[in-house]
C-alpha atoms as a PDB file:
ATOM      1  CA  MET A   1     -66.542 -65.401  30.315  1.00  0.00           C
ATOM      2  CA  ASN A   2     -66.155 -61.767  31.283  1.00  0.00           C
ATOM      3  CA  GLU A   3     -62.871 -60.980  30.299  1.00  0.00           C
ATOM      4  CA  GLU A   4     -62.254 -58.350  33.048  1.00  0.00           C
ATOM      5  CA  CYS A   5     -63.365 -60.485  36.098  1.00  0.00           C
ATOM      6  CA  SER A   6     -60.556 -63.484  34.580  1.00  0.00           C
ATOM      7  CA  ASP A   7     -57.151 -63.737  35.685  1.00  0.00           C
ATOM      8  CA  GLN A   8     -56.658 -66.223  32.781  1.00  0.00           C
ATOM      9  CA  THR A   9     -57.734 -65.693  29.144  1.00  0.00           C
ATOM     10  CA  LYS A  10     -57.387 -68.704  26.906  1.00  0.00           C
ATOM     11  CA  LYS A  11     -55.551 -67.677  23.452  1.00  0.00           C
ATOM     12  CA  THR A  12     -56.182 -70.069  20.794  1.00  0.00           C
ATOM     13  CA  ALA A  13     -53.518 -72.703  20.482  1.00  0.00           C
ATOM     14  CA  GLU A  14     -51.995 -71.244  24.268  1.00  0.00           C
ATOM     15  CA  ASN A  15     -51.658 -75.127  24.642  1.00  0.00           C
ATOM     16  CA  TRP A  16     -49.641 -76.066  21.416  1.00  0.00           C
ATOM     17  CA  LEU A  17     -47.378 -79.062  21.523  1.00  0.00           C
ATOM     18  CA  HIS A  18     -44.759 -80.192  18.772  1.00  0.00           C
ATOM     19  CA  GLY A  19     -46.822 -81.566  16.473  1.00  0.00           C
ATOM     20  CA  ASP A  20     -50.025 -79.748  16.842  1.00  0.00           C
ATOM     21  CA  LEU A  21     -51.621 -77.421  14.324  1.00  0.00           C
ATOM     22  CA  THR A  22     -49.911 -73.615  14.993  1.00  0.00           C
ATOM     23  CA  LYS A  23     -52.582 -71.125  15.344  1.00  0.00           C
ATOM     24  CA  GLU A  24     -52.546 -70.006  12.146  1.00  0.00           C
ATOM     25  CA  GLN A  25     -52.982 -73.144  10.517  1.00  0.00           C
ATOM     26  CA  LEU A  26     -55.683 -73.923  12.258  1.00  0.00           C
ATOM     27  CA  ILE A  27     -57.564 -70.750  11.599  1.00  0.00           C
ATOM     28  CA  ALA A  28     -56.452 -71.771   8.141  1.00  0.00           C
ATOM     29  CA  ARG A  29     -57.891 -75.092   8.231  1.00  0.00           C
ATOM     30  CA  ILE A  30     -61.098 -73.519   9.829  1.00  0.00           C
ATOM     31  CA  ILE A  31     -61.711 -70.885   7.614  1.00  0.00           C
ATOM     32  CA  ARG A  32     -61.591 -73.104   4.906  1.00  0.00           C
ATOM     33  CA  VAL A  33     -62.995 -76.100   5.670  1.00  0.00           C
ATOM     34  CA  ASP A  34     -65.980 -73.952   6.206  1.00  0.00           C
ATOM     35  CA  HIS A  35     -66.019 -72.206   3.311  1.00  0.00           C
ATOM     36  CA  ALA A  36     -66.460 -75.193   1.517  1.00  0.00           C
ATOM     37  CA  GLY A  37     -69.268 -76.123   3.810  1.00  0.00           C
ATOM     38  CA  GLU A  38     -70.857 -73.625   3.352  1.00  0.00           C
ATOM     39  CA  TYR A  39     -70.573 -73.815  -0.326  1.00  0.00           C
ATOM     40  CA  GLY A  40     -71.433 -77.230  -0.684  1.00  0.00           C
ATOM     41  CA  ALA A  41     -74.295 -76.760   1.665  1.00  0.00           C
ATOM     42  CA  LYS A  42     -75.627 -73.709  -1.116  1.00  0.00           C
ATOM     43  CA  ARG A  43     -74.967 -75.921  -3.798  1.00  0.00           C
ATOM     44  CA  ILE A  44     -77.273 -78.636  -2.142  1.00  0.00           C
ATOM     45  CA  TYR A  45     -80.222 -76.167  -1.586  1.00  0.00           C
ATOM     46  CA  GLN A  46     -79.732 -75.431  -5.556  1.00  0.00           C
ATOM     47  CA  GLY A  47     -80.155 -79.536  -6.430  1.00  0.00           C
ATOM     48  CA  GLN A  48     -83.058 -79.522  -4.379  1.00  0.00           C
ATOM     49  CA  LEU A  49     -84.361 -75.812  -5.647  1.00  0.00           C
ATOM     50  CA  ALA A  50     -83.565 -77.397  -9.218  1.00  0.00           C
ATOM     51  CA  VAL A  51     -86.088 -80.133  -8.310  1.00  0.00           C
ATOM     52  CA  LEU A  52     -88.743 -78.824  -5.948  1.00  0.00           C
ATOM     53  CA  GLY A  53     -88.313 -75.240  -6.556  1.00  0.00           C
ATOM     54  CA  ASN A  54     -92.071 -74.944  -7.495  1.00  0.00           C
ATOM     55  CA  SER A  55     -93.385 -76.883  -4.421  1.00  0.00           C
ATOM     56  CA  SER A  56     -94.960 -76.231  -1.057  1.00  0.00           C
ATOM     57  CA  VAL A  57     -90.949 -76.722   0.337  1.00  0.00           C
ATOM     58  CA  GLY A  58     -90.098 -74.281  -2.543  1.00  0.00           C
ATOM     59  CA  ASP A  59     -89.739 -71.272  -0.456  1.00  0.00           C
ATOM     60  CA  THR A  60     -87.952 -72.993   3.111  1.00  0.00           C
ATOM     61  CA  ILE A  61     -85.849 -74.318   0.638  1.00  0.00           C
ATOM     62  CA  ARG A  62     -84.509 -70.596  -0.847  1.00  0.00           C
ATOM     63  CA  GLU A  63     -84.416 -68.969   2.763  1.00  0.00           C
ATOM     64  CA  MET A  64     -82.481 -71.904   3.872  1.00  0.00           C
ATOM     65  CA  GLU A  65     -80.216 -71.278   0.604  1.00  0.00           C
ATOM     66  CA  ALA A  66     -79.975 -67.834   1.552  1.00  0.00           C
ATOM     67  CA  HIS A  67     -78.964 -68.180   5.037  1.00  0.00           C
ATOM     68  CA  GLU A  68     -76.068 -70.421   3.443  1.00  0.00           C
ATOM     69  CA  GLN A  69     -75.359 -67.773   0.864  1.00  0.00           C
ATOM     70  CA  HIS A  70     -74.528 -65.214   3.722  1.00  0.00           C
ATOM     71  CA  HIS A  71     -72.517 -68.005   5.291  1.00  0.00           C
ATOM     72  CA  LEU A  72     -70.629 -68.640   2.020  1.00  0.00           C
ATOM     73  CA  ASP A  73     -69.962 -64.744   1.448  1.00  0.00           C
ATOM     74  CA  THR A  74     -68.579 -64.149   5.249  1.00  0.00           C
ATOM     75  CA  PHE A  75     -66.040 -66.803   4.565  1.00  0.00           C
ATOM     76  CA  ASP A  76     -65.349 -65.573   1.693  1.00  0.00           C
ATOM     77  CA  GLN A  77     -64.787 -62.549   2.919  1.00  0.00           C
ATOM     78  CA  LEU A  78     -61.984 -64.266   5.530  1.00  0.00           C
ATOM     79  CA  LEU A  79     -60.529 -66.298   2.963  1.00  0.00           C
ATOM     80  CA  VAL A  80     -59.492 -62.923   1.609  1.00  0.00           C
ATOM     81  CA  GLU A  81     -58.684 -61.302   4.901  1.00  0.00           C
ATOM     82  CA  ARG A  82     -56.542 -63.689   6.268  1.00  0.00           C
ATOM     83  CA  ARG A  83     -54.788 -64.898   2.998  1.00  0.00           C
ATOM     84  CA  VAL A  84     -56.589 -68.634   2.926  1.00  0.00           C
ATOM     85  CA  ARG A  85     -56.634 -70.496   0.099  1.00  0.00           C
ATOM     86  CA  PRO A  86     -60.076 -72.372  -0.620  1.00  0.00           C
ATOM     87  CA  THR A  87     -59.549 -75.795  -0.781  1.00  0.00           C
ATOM     88  CA  VAL A  88     -58.943 -77.277  -4.269  1.00  0.00           C
ATOM     89  CA  LEU A  89     -61.228 -79.501  -3.894  1.00  0.00           C
ATOM     90  CA  THR A  90     -64.584 -76.462  -4.367  1.00  0.00           C
ATOM     91  CA  PRO A  91     -65.031 -77.907  -8.139  1.00  0.00           C
ATOM     92  CA  PHE A  92     -65.701 -81.414  -6.809  1.00  0.00           C
ATOM     93  CA  TRP A  93     -68.173 -79.832  -3.936  1.00  0.00           C
ATOM     94  CA  HIS A  94     -70.084 -77.839  -6.757  1.00  0.00           C
ATOM     95  CA  VAL A  95     -70.833 -80.703  -8.545  1.00  0.00           C
ATOM     96  CA  ALA A  96     -71.646 -83.575  -5.666  1.00  0.00           C
ATOM     97  CA  GLY A  97     -73.195 -80.867  -3.773  1.00  0.00           C
ATOM     98  CA  PHE A  98     -75.823 -80.059  -6.584  1.00  0.00           C
ATOM     99  CA  ALA A  99     -76.190 -83.886  -6.892  1.00  0.00           C
ATOM    100  CA  LEU A 100     -77.263 -84.644  -3.411  1.00  0.00           C
ATOM    101  CA  GLY A 101     -79.393 -82.218  -3.465  1.00  0.00           C
ATOM    102  CA  ALA A 102     -81.246 -82.712  -6.754  1.00  0.00           C
ATOM    103  CA  VAL A 103     -80.850 -86.907  -6.044  1.00  0.00           C
ATOM    104  CA  THR A 104     -82.338 -86.396  -2.345  1.00  0.00           C
ATOM    105  CA  ALA A 105     -85.060 -84.106  -3.641  1.00  0.00           C
ATOM    106  CA  MET A 106     -86.136 -86.249  -6.692  1.00  0.00           C
ATOM    107  CA  MET A 107     -86.614 -88.938  -3.844  1.00  0.00           C
ATOM    108  CA  GLY A 108     -89.494 -86.675  -2.263  1.00  0.00           C
ATOM    109  CA  LYS A 109     -89.922 -83.444  -0.055  1.00  0.00           C
ATOM    110  CA  ARG A 110     -89.196 -85.654   2.561  1.00  0.00           C
ATOM    111  CA  ALA A 111     -85.730 -86.816   1.505  1.00  0.00           C
ATOM    112  CA  ALA A 112     -84.682 -83.184   0.182  1.00  0.00           C
ATOM    113  CA  MET A 113     -85.623 -82.635   4.701  1.00  0.00           C
ATOM    114  CA  ALA A 114     -83.893 -85.443   5.928  1.00  0.00           C
ATOM    115  CA  CYS A 115     -80.931 -84.540   3.740  1.00  0.00           C
ATOM    116  CA  THR A 116     -81.231 -81.468   5.497  1.00  0.00           C
ATOM    117  CA  VAL A 117     -81.358 -82.970   8.734  1.00  0.00           C
ATOM    118  CA  ALA A 118     -78.415 -84.802   8.322  1.00  0.00           C
ATOM    119  CA  VAL A 119     -76.275 -82.910   6.890  1.00  0.00           C
ATOM    120  CA  GLU A 120     -76.565 -79.812   9.270  1.00  0.00           C
ATOM    121  CA  GLU A 121     -76.762 -82.087  12.453  1.00  0.00           C
ATOM    122  CA  VAL A 122     -72.550 -82.705  11.331  1.00  0.00           C
ATOM    123  CA  ILE A 123     -72.195 -79.479  10.665  1.00  0.00           C
ATOM    124  CA  GLU A 124     -73.547 -77.745  13.742  1.00  0.00           C
ATOM    125  CA  GLU A 125     -71.915 -79.889  15.606  1.00  0.00           C
ATOM    126  CA  HIS A 126     -68.618 -79.460  13.279  1.00  0.00           C
ATOM    127  CA  TYR A 127     -68.677 -75.666  14.288  1.00  0.00           C
ATOM    128  CA  TYR A 128     -69.345 -75.930  18.285  1.00  0.00           C
ATOM    129  CA  ASN A 129     -66.318 -78.004  17.943  1.00  0.00           C
ATOM    130  CA  GLN A 130     -64.199 -75.215  16.291  1.00  0.00           C
ATOM    131  CA  ALA A 131     -65.368 -72.621  18.594  1.00  0.00           C
ATOM    132  CA  LYS A 132     -64.296 -74.529  21.665  1.00  0.00           C
ATOM    133  CA  GLN A 133     -60.746 -74.131  19.667  1.00  0.00           C
ATOM    134  CA  LEU A 134     -60.915 -70.485  19.727  1.00  0.00           C
ATOM    135  CA  GLY A 135     -59.260 -68.440  22.150  1.00  0.00           C
ATOM    136  CA  GLU A 136     -60.423 -64.651  23.400  1.00  0.00           C
ATOM    137  CA  ASP A 137     -57.757 -63.885  20.640  1.00  0.00           C
ATOM    138  CA  GLU A 138     -60.517 -65.225  18.122  1.00  0.00           C
ATOM    139  CA  SER A 139     -63.543 -64.135  19.660  1.00  0.00           C
ATOM    140  CA  GLU A 140     -64.980 -62.404  16.453  1.00  0.00           C
ATOM    141  CA  LEU A 141     -64.481 -65.365  14.137  1.00  0.00           C
ATOM    142  CA  ARG A 142     -66.004 -67.609  17.591  1.00  0.00           C
ATOM    143  CA  LYS A 143     -69.142 -65.973  17.612  1.00  0.00           C
ATOM    144  CA  THR A 144     -69.731 -66.241  13.975  1.00  0.00           C
ATOM    145  CA  ILE A 145     -68.782 -69.948  14.293  1.00  0.00           C
ATOM    146  CA  GLU A 146     -71.605 -69.751  16.598  1.00  0.00           C
ATOM    147  CA  LYS A 147     -74.165 -67.939  15.062  1.00  0.00           C
ATOM    148  CA  PHE A 148     -73.869 -69.832  11.932  1.00  0.00           C
ATOM    149  CA  ALA A 149     -73.913 -73.231  14.125  1.00  0.00           C
ATOM    150  CA  GLU A 150     -77.171 -71.591  15.577  1.00  0.00           C
ATOM    151  CA  GLU A 151     -78.661 -70.919  11.989  1.00  0.00           C
ATOM    152  CA  GLU A 152     -78.187 -74.315  11.072  1.00  0.00           C
ATOM    153  CA  ALA A 153     -79.525 -76.210  14.031  1.00  0.00           C
ATOM    154  CA  HIS A 154     -82.521 -73.907  12.826  1.00  0.00           C
ATOM    155  CA  HIS A 155     -82.279 -75.764   9.413  1.00  0.00           C
ATOM    156  CA  LYS A 156     -82.387 -78.929  10.961  1.00  0.00           C
ATOM    157  CA  ASP A 157     -85.121 -78.561  13.188  1.00  0.00           C
ATOM    158  CA  THR A 158     -87.187 -77.084   9.979  1.00  0.00           C
ATOM    159  CA  GLY A 159     -86.372 -80.389   7.806  1.00  0.00           C
ATOM    160  CA  LEU A 160     -87.371 -82.156  11.174  1.00  0.00           C
ATOM    161  CA  GLU A 161     -90.616 -80.260  11.073  1.00  0.00           C
ATOM    162  CA  HIS A 162     -91.351 -81.144   7.608  1.00  0.00           C
ATOM    163  CA  GLU A 163     -91.211 -84.615   8.243  1.00  0.00           C
ATOM    164  CA  ALA A 164     -87.745 -85.512   7.527  1.00  0.00           C
ATOM    165  CA  GLU A 165     -88.162 -89.086   9.966  1.00  0.00           C
ATOM    166  CA  LEU A 166     -90.702 -89.980   7.639  1.00  0.00           C
ATOM    167  CA  ALA A 167     -88.529 -89.915   4.595  1.00  0.00           C
ATOM    168  CA  PRO A 168     -87.895 -93.439   2.985  1.00  0.00           C
ATOM    169  CA  ALA A 169     -85.289 -95.497   4.414  1.00  0.00           C
ATOM    170  CA  TYR A 170     -84.663 -92.421   6.614  1.00  0.00           C
ATOM    171  CA  LYS A 171     -81.990 -94.058   8.646  1.00  0.00           C
ATOM    172  CA  VAL A 172     -80.095 -95.397   6.008  1.00  0.00           C
ATOM    173  CA  LEU A 173     -79.983 -92.132   4.327  1.00  0.00           C
ATOM    174  CA  SER A 174     -79.667 -90.134   7.503  1.00  0.00           C
ATOM    175  CA  LYS A 175     -76.475 -92.400   8.092  1.00  0.00           C
ATOM    176  CA  ALA A 176     -75.482 -92.352   4.819  1.00  0.00           C
ATOM    177  CA  ILE A 177     -75.171 -88.751   4.272  1.00  0.00           C
ATOM    178  CA  LYS A 178     -73.668 -87.811   7.744  1.00  0.00           C
ATOM    179  CA  SER A 179     -70.870 -90.344   6.652  1.00  0.00           C
ATOM    180  CA  GLY A 180     -70.302 -88.753   3.379  1.00  0.00           C
ATOM    181  CA  THR A 181     -70.556 -85.144   5.202  1.00  0.00           C
ATOM    182  CA  LYS A 182     -67.521 -86.119   7.806  1.00  0.00           C
ATOM    183  CA  VAL A 183     -65.615 -87.212   4.999  1.00  0.00           C
ATOM    184  CA  ALA A 184     -65.910 -83.909   3.314  1.00  0.00           C
ATOM    185  CA  ILE A 185     -65.010 -81.912   6.125  1.00  0.00           C
ATOM    186  CA  TRP A 186     -61.979 -84.227   6.623  1.00  0.00           C
ATOM    187  CA  LEU A 187     -61.027 -83.924   3.415  1.00  0.00           C
ATOM    188  CA  SER A 188     -61.815 -80.208   2.942  1.00  0.00           C
ATOM    189  CA  GLU A 189     -59.465 -78.947   6.146  1.00  0.00           C
ATOM    190  CA  ARG A 190     -56.235 -80.562   4.415  1.00  0.00           C
ATOM    191  CA  ILE A 191     -56.699 -80.516   0.535  1.00  0.00           C
END
């Protein structure tokens, strides 16, 4: 939207109702959960690399892990700048993320890629939903989130290109990982 041509510019939380999150609470929740998610994603890729680092998909996983590190560094900085506390679940995500990555990698390259597809699909949607909540007063944060959503979509596409859908029990594995990711999002927003 061109700001100069608009009579109104949407502001974050401008239609606030009693019981809704304030703008400050919403921003804190967004930064906290995105930081946790990027940390968890980095740990998933590290778990996959522990098993598949020397395989034909090792370089692909390393590239995706580097993107997640960049995203994490960005949210690390935003935590400090915006004075947002990280989730208290970080130690849990440290172990759970690595375990998820390692276990799916032990199931094979396709299962590791199925994990990537499932997680990134949920995160991409999550990021776009967050972006819709942010007004012009938070355009820089919105643009960052939209850029990261595009990169997560690319990771999802990479997983599909590496035959994720041919993983054993793909639909069951995908559904379980998506459900776990949604629970992790819900918890990290709040705790």
